[in-house]
Amino acid sequence: MSITLNIPAEIERQLQAEWGNLSRRALEALAIEGYRSEALSVGQIAEMLNLSILEAESFLKERGVDLLYSDEDLRQDIVANDRVLPG
C-alpha cells in the first residue's frame, strides 16, 4: 500500500535536512503509534520495518516506547522456560 502526504515544500526541505528519508520516518512513526495503541504487535512492527523481532523491540525501546508484556505473556514464558531448563 502506498500513502501520500502533502506537506508544504519548505517544511519538507526542513524535515528532510533534519531527518533524511521522510518516507522511512513516516513509516516508523506509523509503526510506533500502531504499537502504542495496541493495533500492531512487535511482530507486525518487525515486518513493517524489515527488522527481526529483537531489532523491533530495540527500535521501540530506543524511542521510549514501553514494551507490552501481559501476565499471560509471563505465564507462557515461565512454561517455556520450565520445558527447556532442567528443574
Protein backbone atom coordinates (compact mmCIF):
# COMPACT_ATOMS: atom_id res chain seq x y z
CA MET A 1 0.00 0.00 0.00
CA SER A 2 1.14 3.49 -0.77
CA ILE A 3 0.23 6.57 1.24
CA THR A 4 0.81 10.11 0.02
CA LEU A 5 1.33 13.01 2.41
CA ASN A 6 1.02 16.57 1.21
CA ILE A 7 3.14 18.98 3.22
CA PRO A 8 4.42 22.43 2.28
CA ALA A 9 7.68 22.31 0.30
CA GLU A 10 9.60 24.40 2.85
CA ILE A 11 8.61 22.06 5.69
CA GLU A 12 9.54 19.07 3.54
CA ARG A 13 13.01 20.55 2.91
CA GLN A 14 13.45 21.36 6.59
CA LEU A 15 12.45 17.88 7.76
CA GLN A 16 14.49 16.19 5.05
CA ALA A 17 17.56 18.18 6.09
CA GLU A 18 16.98 17.16 9.71
CA TRP A 19 15.82 13.56 9.29
CA GLY A 20 16.84 12.39 5.83
CA ASN A 21 14.43 9.81 4.41
CA LEU A 22 10.95 11.16 5.19
CA SER A 23 9.18 8.07 3.85
CA ARG A 24 11.04 5.88 6.32
CA ARG A 25 10.40 8.31 9.19
CA ALA A 26 6.69 8.38 8.39
CA LEU A 27 6.58 4.57 8.31
CA GLU A 28 8.41 4.41 11.65
CA ALA A 29 6.00 6.94 13.19
CA LEU A 30 3.04 4.89 11.95
CA ALA A 31 4.58 1.74 13.42
CA ILE A 32 5.21 3.40 16.79
CA GLU A 33 1.68 4.77 17.06
CA GLY A 34 0.25 1.44 15.93
CA TYR A 35 2.13 -0.33 18.70
CA ARG A 36 1.30 2.26 21.37
CA SER A 37 -2.40 1.97 20.56
CA GLU A 38 -2.09 -1.84 20.61
CA ALA A 39 -3.26 -2.03 16.99
CA LEU A 40 0.07 -3.67 16.00
CA SER A 41 2.25 -6.34 17.61
CA VAL A 42 6.04 -6.36 17.80
CA GLY A 43 5.99 -8.99 15.05
CA GLN A 44 3.99 -6.70 12.81
CA ILE A 45 6.36 -3.81 13.56
CA ALA A 46 9.27 -6.07 12.61
CA GLU A 47 7.54 -6.99 9.36
CA MET A 48 6.66 -3.37 8.51
CA LEU A 49 10.19 -2.13 9.10
CA ASN A 50 12.00 -5.22 7.79
CA LEU A 51 13.57 -5.96 11.19
CA SER A 52 13.98 -9.03 13.35
CA ILE A 53 11.80 -9.26 16.47
CA LEU A 54 14.77 -8.30 18.65
CA GLU A 55 15.58 -5.34 16.39
CA ALA A 56 11.93 -4.23 16.51
CA GLU A 57 11.93 -4.39 20.32
CA SER A 58 15.17 -2.40 20.37
CA PHE A 59 13.71 0.12 17.89
CA LEU A 60 10.71 0.68 20.18
CA LYS A 61 12.81 0.91 23.36
CA GLU A 62 15.18 3.45 21.74
CA ARG A 63 12.15 5.63 21.02
CA GLY A 64 10.86 5.45 24.58
CA VAL A 65 8.02 3.06 23.85
CA ASP A 66 7.24 0.67 26.70
CA LEU A 67 7.00 -2.90 25.51
CA LEU A 68 3.65 -4.50 26.23
CA TYR A 69 4.05 -7.59 28.40
CA SER A 70 0.96 -9.12 29.94
CA ASP A 71 0.50 -11.60 32.77
CA GLU A 72 -0.32 -14.18 30.08
CA ASP A 73 2.99 -13.43 28.32
CA LEU A 74 4.80 -14.04 31.61
CA ARG A 75 2.93 -17.31 32.19
CA GLN A 76 3.82 -18.54 28.70
CA ASP A 77 7.47 -17.61 29.22
CA ILE A 78 7.58 -19.49 32.51
CA VAL A 79 6.06 -22.59 30.90
CA ALA A 80 8.54 -22.39 28.01
CA ASN A 81 11.48 -21.97 30.40
CA ASP A 82 10.32 -24.91 32.51
CA ARG A 83 10.31 -27.11 29.40
CA VAL A 84 13.79 -26.04 28.34
CA LEU A 85 15.66 -25.63 31.61
CA PRO A 86 16.27 -28.58 33.93
CA GLY A 87 14.34 -28.29 37.18
